[in-house]
Structures are given as structure tokens and as C-alpha cells.
Protein backbone atom coordinates (compact mmCIF):
# COMPACT_ATOMS: atom_id res chain seq x y z
CA MET A 1 -5.51 18.23 -2.89
CA LYS A 2 -5.51 19.34 0.76
CA VAL A 3 -4.17 16.72 3.11
CA SER A 4 -7.45 16.56 5.05
CA VAL A 5 -9.37 15.84 1.83
CA LEU A 6 -6.75 13.39 0.57
CA LYS A 7 -7.04 11.39 3.78
CA ASN A 8 -10.76 10.88 3.15
CA HIS A 9 -10.11 10.12 -0.53
CA ILE A 10 -7.75 7.29 0.46
CA ALA A 11 -10.17 5.98 3.10
CA SER A 12 -12.98 5.76 0.53
CA GLY A 13 -10.86 3.65 -1.81
CA GLY A 14 -9.87 6.42 -4.20
CA LEU A 15 -6.34 5.06 -4.62
CA ASP A 16 -7.12 1.36 -4.43
CA ASN A 17 -6.37 0.78 -8.13
CA ILE A 18 -2.87 2.17 -7.65
CA PHE A 19 -2.35 0.30 -4.39
CA SER A 20 -3.36 -3.01 -6.01
CA ASP A 21 -0.47 -2.69 -8.48
CA LEU A 22 2.10 -1.89 -5.80
CA TYR A 23 1.14 -3.88 -2.70
CA ARG A 24 0.01 -7.34 -1.66
CA ASP A 25 -2.58 -5.97 0.78
CA ILE A 26 -4.67 -2.95 -0.23
CA ASN A 27 -6.16 -2.53 3.25
CA VAL A 28 -2.74 -2.31 4.88
CA ALA A 29 -1.59 0.18 2.24
CA ARG A 30 -4.68 2.33 2.72
CA GLU A 31 -4.20 2.49 6.50
CA ARG A 32 -0.52 3.27 6.11
CA TYR A 33 -1.04 6.19 3.73
CA ILE A 34 -3.82 7.59 5.92
CA LYS A 35 -1.48 7.43 8.91
CA ALA A 36 1.19 9.27 6.90
CA CYS A 37 -1.34 11.99 6.03
CA VAL A 38 -2.19 12.35 9.71
CA GLY A 39 1.52 12.62 10.50
CA PHE A 40 1.97 15.33 7.88
CA ALA A 41 -1.04 17.28 9.15
CA GLU A 42 0.17 17.13 12.75
CA THR A 43 3.65 18.25 11.71
CA PHE A 44 3.01 20.81 8.97
CA GLY A 45 -0.71 21.64 9.05
CA GLU A 46 -3.99 20.31 7.66
CA GLU A 47 -4.63 22.93 4.99
CA ARG A 48 -1.59 22.21 2.82
CA GLU A 49 -1.87 21.04 -0.79
CA VAL A 50 0.04 17.76 -0.90
CA MET A 51 1.29 14.98 -3.17
CA LEU A 52 2.12 11.35 -2.38
CA PHE A 53 5.33 9.57 -3.38
CA SER A 54 6.83 6.11 -2.95
CA ALA A 55 10.21 4.44 -3.49
CA PRO A 56 10.67 0.69 -2.94
CA GLY A 57 13.24 -1.42 -1.23
CA ARG A 58 14.94 -4.00 -3.39
CA THR A 59 15.85 -7.64 -3.31
CA GLU A 60 18.90 -9.12 -4.99
CA VAL A 61 17.71 -12.11 -7.03
CA GLY A 62 20.82 -13.04 -9.01
CA GLY A 63 24.48 -12.12 -9.02
CA ASN A 64 25.69 -12.34 -5.40
CA HIS A 65 28.53 -9.81 -4.97
CA THR A 66 29.00 -9.61 -8.74
CA ASP A 67 28.26 -5.89 -9.01
CA HIS A 68 31.39 -5.07 -6.98
CA GLN A 69 33.43 -6.51 -9.86
CA ASN A 70 31.47 -4.69 -12.62
CA GLY A 71 29.40 -7.81 -13.21
CA ARG A 72 25.76 -8.59 -13.92
CA VAL A 73 22.91 -8.69 -11.43
CA LEU A 74 19.21 -9.43 -11.41
CA ALA A 75 17.30 -7.41 -8.83
CA GLY A 76 13.69 -6.65 -8.03
CA SER A 77 11.80 -3.83 -6.37
CA VAL A 78 9.56 -5.03 -3.53
CA ASP A 79 6.34 -3.86 -1.92
CA LEU A 80 8.13 -2.65 1.20
CA ASP A 81 8.84 1.02 0.57
CA VAL A 82 9.43 4.52 1.87
CA ILE A 83 6.41 6.78 1.30
CA ALA A 84 6.09 10.54 1.63
CA VAL A 85 3.36 13.13 1.93
CA VAL A 86 4.85 16.30 0.43
CA ALA A 87 4.02 19.98 -0.06
CA LYS A 88 6.03 22.86 -1.46
CA ASN A 89 6.89 25.67 0.93
CA ASP A 90 7.88 29.30 0.33
CA SER A 91 11.20 29.29 2.22
CA ASN A 92 14.66 28.13 1.18
CA VAL A 93 14.56 25.22 3.65
CA ILE A 94 13.64 21.62 2.97
CA ARG A 95 12.07 19.99 6.01
CA VAL A 96 11.75 16.20 6.16
CA LYS A 97 10.16 14.54 9.18
CA SER A 98 10.63 10.78 9.08
CA GLU A 99 8.40 8.83 11.45
CA GLY A 100 10.31 8.06 14.63
CA TYR A 101 13.19 10.45 13.88
CA ASP A 102 14.01 14.09 14.40
CA MET A 103 13.27 16.60 11.67
CA ASP A 104 15.92 17.04 8.96
CA THR A 105 16.32 20.63 7.76
CA VAL A 106 18.40 21.42 4.69
CA LYS A 107 18.89 24.77 2.97
CA PHE A 108 18.66 23.88 -0.69
CA ASP A 109 20.86 26.83 -1.69
CA MET A 110 23.77 25.38 0.39
CA LEU A 111 24.74 22.29 -1.55
CA SER A 112 28.28 21.37 -0.54
CA PRO A 113 28.93 18.29 1.63
CA ARG A 114 28.93 19.03 5.36
CA THR A 115 31.09 16.97 7.70
CA CYS A 116 28.54 17.20 10.50
CA GLU A 117 25.95 15.45 8.28
CA THR A 118 28.11 12.45 7.34
CA ALA A 119 26.16 9.21 7.80
CA HIS A 120 22.93 11.15 8.49
CA SER A 121 19.85 11.35 6.28
CA ALA A 122 20.17 15.13 5.90
CA SER A 123 23.30 14.52 3.84
CA LEU A 124 21.29 12.46 1.35
CA ILE A 125 18.70 15.20 0.96
CA ARG A 126 21.43 17.76 0.38
CA GLY A 127 23.24 15.40 -1.98
CA MET A 128 20.19 14.71 -4.15
CA CYS A 129 19.58 18.45 -4.49
CA ALA A 130 23.22 19.03 -5.38
CA MET A 131 23.21 16.33 -8.06
CA ALA A 132 20.10 17.79 -9.68
CA VAL A 133 21.55 21.31 -9.71
CA ARG A 134 24.84 20.09 -11.18
CA SER A 135 22.89 18.65 -14.10
CA GLY A 136 20.95 21.86 -14.67
CA TYR A 137 17.68 20.80 -13.05
CA ASN A 138 15.62 22.85 -10.60
CA VAL A 139 15.32 22.37 -6.87
CA GLY A 140 13.16 24.12 -4.31
CA ALA A 141 11.89 23.99 -0.77
CA PHE A 142 9.35 21.46 0.42
CA ASP A 143 7.96 19.83 3.56
CA ALA A 144 7.71 16.05 3.71
CA TYR A 145 6.50 13.49 6.18
CA THR A 146 7.92 10.03 5.46
CA THR A 147 7.39 6.58 6.82
CA SER A 148 9.21 3.36 5.93
CA ASN A 149 8.50 -0.33 6.28
CA VAL A 150 11.73 -1.36 4.50
CA LEU A 151 13.37 -3.66 7.00
CA LYS A 152 16.71 -2.35 8.24
CA GLY A 153 19.58 -4.81 8.11
CA SER A 154 17.58 -7.07 5.78
CA GLY A 155 19.47 -6.48 2.55
CA LEU A 156 16.44 -4.63 1.15
CA SER A 157 18.33 -1.31 1.13
CA SER A 158 16.29 1.25 3.02
CA SER A 159 18.92 3.94 2.35
CA ALA A 160 18.65 3.57 -1.43
CA ALA A 161 14.85 3.78 -1.18
CA PHE A 162 15.11 7.04 0.79
CA GLU A 163 17.56 8.54 -1.72
CA VAL A 164 15.36 7.60 -4.66
CA LEU A 165 12.30 8.97 -2.87
CA ILE A 166 13.94 12.39 -2.48
CA GLY A 167 14.97 12.29 -6.14
CA VAL A 168 11.42 11.52 -7.27
CA VAL A 169 10.07 14.36 -5.11
CA ILE A 170 12.54 16.84 -6.66
CA ASN A 171 11.71 15.48 -10.11
CA HIS A 172 7.95 15.96 -9.88
CA LEU A 173 7.76 19.06 -7.68
CA PHE A 174 10.25 21.16 -9.65
CA ASN A 175 11.06 19.46 -12.97
CA ASP A 176 7.77 18.16 -14.39
CA GLY A 177 8.99 14.56 -14.21
CA LYS A 178 11.78 15.11 -16.76
CA ILE A 179 14.52 13.30 -14.85
CA ASP A 180 14.56 9.63 -15.86
CA ALA A 181 14.79 6.75 -13.41
CA VAL A 182 18.35 5.78 -14.34
CA THR A 183 19.59 9.32 -13.74
CA ILE A 184 17.86 9.46 -10.35
CA ALA A 185 19.63 6.21 -9.40
CA LYS A 186 23.01 7.66 -10.39
CA TYR A 187 22.28 10.79 -8.34
CA ALA A 188 21.43 8.55 -5.39
CA GLN A 189 24.68 6.60 -5.63
CA GLN A 190 26.76 9.78 -5.89
CA SER A 191 24.91 11.33 -2.96
CA GLU A 192 25.64 8.31 -0.79
CA ARG A 193 29.30 8.34 -1.78
CA GLU A 194 30.03 12.06 -1.69
CA PHE A 195 27.65 13.37 0.98
CA PHE A 196 26.77 10.39 3.20
CA GLY A 197 30.31 8.99 3.13
CA LYS A 198 29.61 5.40 2.06
CA PRO A 199 31.41 3.99 -1.01
CA CYS A 200 28.40 2.08 -2.32
CA GLY A 201 27.74 0.42 -5.67
CA LEU A 202 24.82 1.25 -7.96
CA MET A 203 22.67 -1.88 -7.84
CA ASP A 204 20.50 -0.87 -4.85
CA GLN A 205 19.63 2.55 -6.21
CA MET A 206 19.02 1.28 -9.75
CA ALA A 207 16.68 -1.49 -8.62
CA SER A 208 14.71 0.92 -6.41
CA SER A 209 14.46 3.60 -9.06
CA VAL A 210 13.69 1.47 -12.14
CA GLY A 211 11.40 -1.10 -10.51
CA GLY A 212 10.15 -4.58 -11.36
CA PHE A 213 12.59 -7.37 -12.13
CA THR A 214 15.61 -5.45 -13.40
CA ALA A 215 18.64 -6.98 -15.11
CA ILE A 216 21.69 -4.72 -14.85
CA ASP A 217 25.07 -5.13 -16.54
CA PHE A 218 27.80 -3.03 -14.92
CA ALA A 219 30.55 -3.68 -17.49
CA ASP A 220 30.59 0.12 -17.90
CA PRO A 221 29.51 1.24 -14.40
CA GLN A 222 28.97 4.82 -15.53
CA ASN A 223 26.55 3.64 -18.21
CA PRO A 224 25.07 0.34 -17.05
CA VAL A 225 22.89 -1.63 -19.43
CA ILE A 226 19.43 -2.01 -17.89
CA GLU A 227 16.63 -4.31 -18.97
CA LYS A 228 13.28 -4.69 -17.23
CA VAL A 229 11.76 -8.15 -17.19
CA ASP A 230 7.99 -8.57 -16.88
CA PHE A 231 7.24 -11.59 -14.73
CA ASP A 232 4.60 -12.37 -12.09
CA LEU A 233 5.66 -14.83 -9.38
CA ALA A 234 2.12 -15.35 -8.10
CA GLN A 235 0.85 -16.30 -11.55
CA ASN A 236 3.56 -18.95 -11.55
CA GLY A 237 2.40 -20.34 -8.22
CA HIS A 238 5.20 -19.02 -5.97
CA ALA A 239 5.77 -16.41 -3.30
CA LEU A 240 9.00 -14.59 -2.49
CA CYS A 241 10.00 -14.84 1.17
CA ILE A 242 12.78 -13.01 2.99
CA ILE A 243 13.67 -14.68 6.29
CA ASN A 244 15.36 -12.60 8.98
CA THR A 245 17.61 -14.94 10.93
CA GLY A 246 18.46 -12.29 13.53
CA GLY A 247 22.23 -12.34 13.05
CA ASN A 248 24.48 -9.58 14.35
CA HIS A 249 26.12 -7.38 11.67
CA THR A 250 28.29 -5.46 14.15
CA ASP A 251 31.61 -7.25 13.62
CA LEU A 252 31.24 -8.25 9.97
CA THR A 253 32.93 -5.27 8.29
CA ASP A 254 36.12 -7.21 7.69
CA ASP A 255 34.19 -10.19 6.29
CA TYR A 256 32.49 -8.00 3.69
CA ALA A 257 35.69 -6.14 2.87
CA ASP A 258 37.71 -9.34 2.44
CA ILE A 259 35.57 -10.40 -0.54
CA THR A 260 36.50 -7.29 -2.49
CA VAL A 261 40.12 -7.39 -1.34
CA GLU A 262 40.58 -11.01 -2.40
CA CYS A 263 38.80 -10.61 -5.74
CA THR A 264 40.99 -7.57 -6.42
CA LYS A 265 44.12 -9.62 -5.73
CA VAL A 266 43.04 -12.04 -8.44
CA SER A 267 42.25 -9.32 -10.98
CA GLN A 268 45.54 -7.55 -10.26
CA PHE A 269 47.41 -10.81 -10.88
CA PHE A 270 46.22 -10.40 -14.48
CA GLY A 271 46.88 -6.66 -14.57
CA LYS A 272 43.17 -5.77 -14.36
CA ARG A 273 41.14 -3.70 -11.91
CA PHE A 274 38.06 -5.95 -11.84
CA LEU A 275 37.35 -9.63 -12.38
CA ARG A 276 34.93 -8.68 -15.17
CA GLU A 277 37.99 -7.71 -17.23
CA VAL A 278 39.78 -11.03 -16.66
CA SER A 279 39.56 -13.88 -19.16
CA GLU A 280 38.00 -16.90 -17.47
CA THR A 281 40.13 -19.15 -19.70
CA ASP A 282 43.33 -17.40 -18.57
CA PHE A 283 42.16 -17.59 -14.96
CA PHE A 284 41.75 -21.37 -14.95
CA ALA A 285 44.99 -21.83 -16.88
CA ASP A 286 46.94 -20.03 -14.14
CA ILE A 287 45.47 -21.70 -11.03
CA ALA A 288 48.83 -23.06 -9.85
CA ASP A 289 50.54 -19.67 -9.91
CA LEU A 290 47.44 -17.99 -8.45
CA ARG A 291 47.52 -20.32 -5.44
CA LYS A 292 51.03 -19.11 -4.62
CA GLN A 293 50.13 -15.45 -5.09
CA VAL A 294 46.62 -15.00 -3.70
CA GLY A 295 45.63 -18.14 -1.77
CA ASP A 296 42.84 -20.67 -2.26
CA ARG A 297 39.89 -18.70 -0.87
CA ALA A 298 40.50 -15.82 -3.28
CA ILE A 299 40.50 -18.32 -6.15
CA LEU A 300 37.24 -19.88 -4.96
CA ARG A 301 35.62 -16.46 -4.69
CA ALA A 302 36.72 -15.64 -8.22
CA ILE A 303 35.22 -18.95 -9.43
CA HIS A 304 31.95 -17.86 -7.84
CA PHE A 305 32.12 -14.53 -9.66
CA PHE A 306 32.63 -16.10 -13.08
CA SER A 307 29.76 -18.56 -12.60
CA ASP A 308 27.29 -16.20 -10.91
CA ASN A 309 28.00 -13.43 -13.41
CA LYS A 310 26.90 -15.74 -16.21
CA ARG A 311 24.10 -17.16 -14.09
CA ALA A 312 22.53 -13.71 -13.60
CA LEU A 313 22.24 -13.43 -17.38
CA ASP A 314 20.73 -16.91 -17.62
CA GLU A 315 18.21 -16.08 -14.86
CA LYS A 316 17.08 -13.00 -16.76
CA GLN A 317 16.73 -15.05 -19.92
CA ALA A 318 14.76 -17.76 -18.12
CA LEU A 319 12.25 -15.22 -16.79
CA SER A 320 12.01 -13.52 -20.18
CA GLU A 321 11.16 -16.89 -21.76
CA GLY A 322 8.74 -17.82 -18.98
CA ASN A 323 10.87 -20.85 -18.05
CA PHE A 324 10.31 -20.72 -14.31
CA ASP A 325 11.62 -24.21 -13.59
CA LYS A 326 14.98 -23.23 -15.10
CA PHE A 327 14.94 -19.99 -13.10
CA LEU A 328 14.44 -21.89 -9.83
CA LYS A 329 17.26 -24.29 -10.73
CA LEU A 330 19.59 -21.33 -11.33
CA ILE A 331 18.60 -19.75 -8.00
CA ASN A 332 19.55 -22.94 -6.18
CA GLU A 333 22.84 -23.09 -8.10
CA SER A 334 23.61 -19.51 -7.07
CA GLY A 335 22.92 -20.39 -3.45
CA ASP A 336 25.22 -23.38 -3.62
CA SER A 337 27.96 -21.29 -5.22
CA SER A 338 27.65 -18.59 -2.56
CA PHE A 339 27.93 -21.20 0.19
CA LYS A 340 30.81 -23.25 -1.25
CA TYR A 341 32.87 -20.76 -3.21
CA LEU A 342 32.01 -17.19 -2.20
CA GLN A 343 31.74 -18.42 1.40
CA ASN A 344 29.52 -15.63 2.71
CA VAL A 345 26.91 -17.67 4.57
CA TYR A 346 28.64 -17.47 7.96
CA SER A 347 31.64 -15.70 9.44
CA ILE A 348 34.76 -17.71 10.24
CA SER A 349 35.24 -15.39 13.23
CA ASN A 350 32.07 -16.78 14.87
CA VAL A 351 31.36 -20.27 13.60
CA SER A 352 28.89 -21.02 16.41
CA GLU A 353 26.43 -18.52 14.90
CA GLN A 354 25.18 -19.88 11.58
CA GLY A 355 21.63 -18.64 11.29
CA LEU A 356 21.79 -18.37 7.50
CA SER A 357 23.10 -21.93 7.15
CA LEU A 358 20.32 -23.19 9.42
CA ALA A 359 17.60 -21.28 7.57
CA LEU A 360 18.84 -22.67 4.24
CA ALA A 361 18.99 -26.21 5.64
CA LEU A 362 15.48 -26.02 7.08
CA THR A 363 14.15 -24.53 3.85
CA ASP A 364 15.80 -27.21 1.70
CA LYS A 365 14.33 -29.95 3.88
CA PHE A 366 10.86 -28.40 3.89
CA LEU A 367 10.69 -27.72 0.15
CA GLY A 368 11.84 -31.22 -0.71
CA GLY A 369 13.08 -30.34 -4.18
CA ARG A 370 10.43 -27.72 -4.97
CA GLY A 371 11.01 -23.94 -5.02
CA ALA A 372 14.45 -22.51 -4.35
CA CYS A 373 16.52 -20.67 -1.74
CA ARG A 374 19.78 -18.75 -1.43
CA VAL A 375 21.65 -16.32 0.80
CA HIS A 376 20.26 -12.81 0.41
CA GLY A 377 22.37 -9.69 -0.01
CA GLY A 378 25.83 -9.37 1.48
CA GLY A 379 25.57 -12.48 3.63
CA PHE A 380 27.42 -13.64 6.78
CA ALA A 381 24.35 -12.70 8.86
CA GLY A 382 20.89 -11.31 8.25
CA THR A 383 18.56 -12.83 5.70
CA VAL A 384 17.96 -15.64 3.24
CA GLN A 385 15.64 -15.62 0.24
CA ALA A 386 13.19 -18.37 -0.61
CA PHE A 387 10.82 -18.94 -3.52
CA VAL A 388 8.04 -20.99 -1.97
CA PRO A 389 5.14 -22.71 -3.78
CA LEU A 390 1.87 -21.05 -2.79
CA ASP A 391 0.33 -24.34 -1.66
CA MET A 392 3.18 -24.71 0.88
CA LEU A 393 3.40 -21.07 1.97
CA ASP A 394 1.37 -21.10 5.20
CA ASP A 395 3.10 -24.21 6.48
CA TYR A 396 6.50 -22.84 5.46
CA ILE A 397 5.92 -19.60 7.39
CA ALA A 398 4.88 -21.57 10.48
CA MET A 399 7.92 -23.83 10.21
CA ILE A 400 10.54 -21.14 9.64
CA GLU A 401 9.09 -18.79 12.28
CA SER A 402 9.10 -21.60 14.83
CA ALA A 403 12.89 -21.53 14.46
CA PHE A 404 13.54 -17.80 14.01
CA GLY A 405 10.62 -16.12 15.76
CA LYS A 406 7.20 -14.75 14.90
CA GLY A 407 7.21 -12.07 12.23
CA ASN A 408 10.63 -12.97 10.80
CA CYS A 409 9.32 -14.44 7.53
CA HIS A 410 8.35 -11.61 5.21
CA VAL A 411 6.27 -12.46 2.14
CA LEU A 412 6.98 -9.87 -0.54
CA LYS A 413 5.67 -8.85 -3.93
CA ILE A 414 7.88 -7.77 -6.81
CA ARG A 415 6.17 -4.51 -7.66
CA PRO A 416 6.15 -3.38 -11.31
CA VAL A 417 7.35 0.20 -10.78
CA GLY A 418 10.19 1.84 -8.90
CA GLY A 419 10.26 5.34 -7.44
CA THR A 420 6.99 7.01 -8.37
CA LYS A 421 4.45 9.74 -7.74
CA ILE A 422 1.36 8.08 -6.29
CA PHE A 423 -0.99 11.11 -6.37
């Protein structure tokens, strides 16, 4: 359909059934897609035959920092996403114009990493093409206009959503949808590692690509075990909130790195690469010797791993059984473990800034034993996650935004699908 016609089709409600599955607010979605169509037309022309694509951000629900040790996680795709209006072109150049950024141009027949593209979005486009070609799939040239409402620095992983989006475009434009969601996620991780230059895990990409509540077991990281869990928060009387506390991530690199370094010291004590390979029984039997070798904080962080790795499995099981009260109890336990044992709620290098601690304290007081809350994502600064009863939601938003500023409480929907062709 030509972009000018598609714009009118969206405005008349032609995609409302699709939007209702993916988004909390159909009207907002409709306006956003129309704006993207206008952006495409202004950039590439009104008479192009186009398609629409979407890839979601993700929220980590269970398993805080467990994936780095080949553990289990429970994640969910959310209704904040990267969307694209796309058309094939007849050149050998992929052109991607992301709203608010300069145009990325990538020759799809030049698929080796380029140093000048490191840490830039063009590297991800090139990387996704390269991964597809390596596996024997087709790539080609296209023009795309993208826009994102995935909050940067929120732990919702805007980069993974962009990678998955490009993978879904390649899949449907040139491969008739034959590349499965798990494979696209693996391509995205490898692209980020090899082309973008970031040694990331696989959880973000997998959650974005697969969609819904997704339980992932990384015991074999090359072949993770993935299970989707059908569960509707709203039908169980709760909303998912992500609260941006406004913390500064600039000087936290060492804090994040120390978690992996210290967990690795523990696993190496037992001759293993990852804590997932270590016997929990052996670990607790050797606490005295471990204290001498690795220090107390490393031991506490390992204790968190063992408990949260099991807890992620229990959370998945609770949702599968429809036992929401148990699920909420496990979320609170995970939050407590992250605070006391993983110790990623504030940085010891700046103890005067404890926005996450404050948000958790205010949420605990407000909920009064209902709902649940925990640190969200990597921690130390940024966001917390809260499951808030619907009858308390408006008052909760007012309370938390009075402390952290208007617009910093984001109410999200766990959408049932991951990266997808919309139209």
C-alpha cells in the first residue's frame, strides 16, 4: 500500500484491532504511526509502497543479573517499541532515518565490521545483514523511517529493540518470514558484540524478539531454553509501572563490572567459569575458605545468584499456574535479595544519591503490603519496577511523581508478541 493511502487507512481505524493487542492506548498508537508515515513520505517520497514493523522494549521481571552467569530469567516485552515504515529500493544501499538522528546508510554488499561505525546504529544494521547472509538468508536494499518511544537509560533496552526491528524487516522483505524469532535474537546479540562493540548478553534481544512473558534458561547460552507464559496483568487487577528516578549512569561502569568480576572469582574458586556450574551445596560448605579468597561481598552476590536463579523459575511457574499472589511474593523477595545481597540499588562511590532506595521505600509504604516492587535492570541508578493494584494506580502515580517529577512513572503493558510485521 502506498504510504499516502496507508496513512488514511490508519486514521480511519484500519489497524485498530492490531493496535489493541499491542498497546494500552489505541489513539496514541494511531497518531504515532501516522506521524511515522508522514516522516517516511517527507524523507523518501509519498508514492512508495510500504510496510509497517515493530519491535518492543523489554522489562526484566525475574532473575536480576542471573543471565550473566548462565542463569534463568523471566522477561517481558512491553508496549514501548521502535516502529518502522519501510519500502524496498533498487540500489545496494540501505537507508534508515531514525527520528531525531542523521540518516544511516549501509551498503548491504559490504558486510565486514567497520571501526568507524563502532557504537553507532549503522553498525547494527550492517551486523544484522551480515548475520543473515552467514546463515544463507537473503538481504537487500530498503528505505526505513523509524521512531522510538523506548526510554533510554531505563533498562528497557532500546538497542535490542532496534536490532530486532532490523532483523524482522530483513526477514519479511527478503525471506518470506522464514527466520524464527530465536534466530533473530541471536543475530542481534552477535551484531551488538561483533559490529557495535558491546559484549552484551542475550536476554534483551530474546525478550524483544520472542515477546510476551518469556522464561529463558541460559544453561547452554548458545541454545537457551525458551518458554512463553500467557498471563494478563490487567485481568489480575494490576498494572506494571517503571519509575525513572533520574539517576546518573555516567560513573557506574565499575559498579556494573564488579558484579561479574566478583561472581567470577567465586566460580573460579570451584574451577568453574560461571556460578551456574557451581554446586550450591559445595558453595555453602566452603564459606570460610571463600571469605579468605574472594571477600564477603562476592559471597553475598553469589548467594543472590543461587536464590534468584531458582526464584526466576518459581515466578514462571506461578504465572503458569495463575497464582498471582505467589508471583508478587517472589517479586518482593527478589527485590530484597538485590538490595541486601547483590547490592545494586545504590553505588558505594556516591552514597548521597539513592534514588532507587527512595523509590522502593516510598512504594513499599504506599502499597502497604499489596502489590510488589524491585530494582529494575542493572541497578545502581535509573529505574525501579512496581506492580500496582489498579484501584491504587492513579494515587500511586501522583505520589511517586511528586517525588521524582511529572512523567517519570511509566505505566506499561506486557504485549503478547515480540518483533513483528504490523502491515
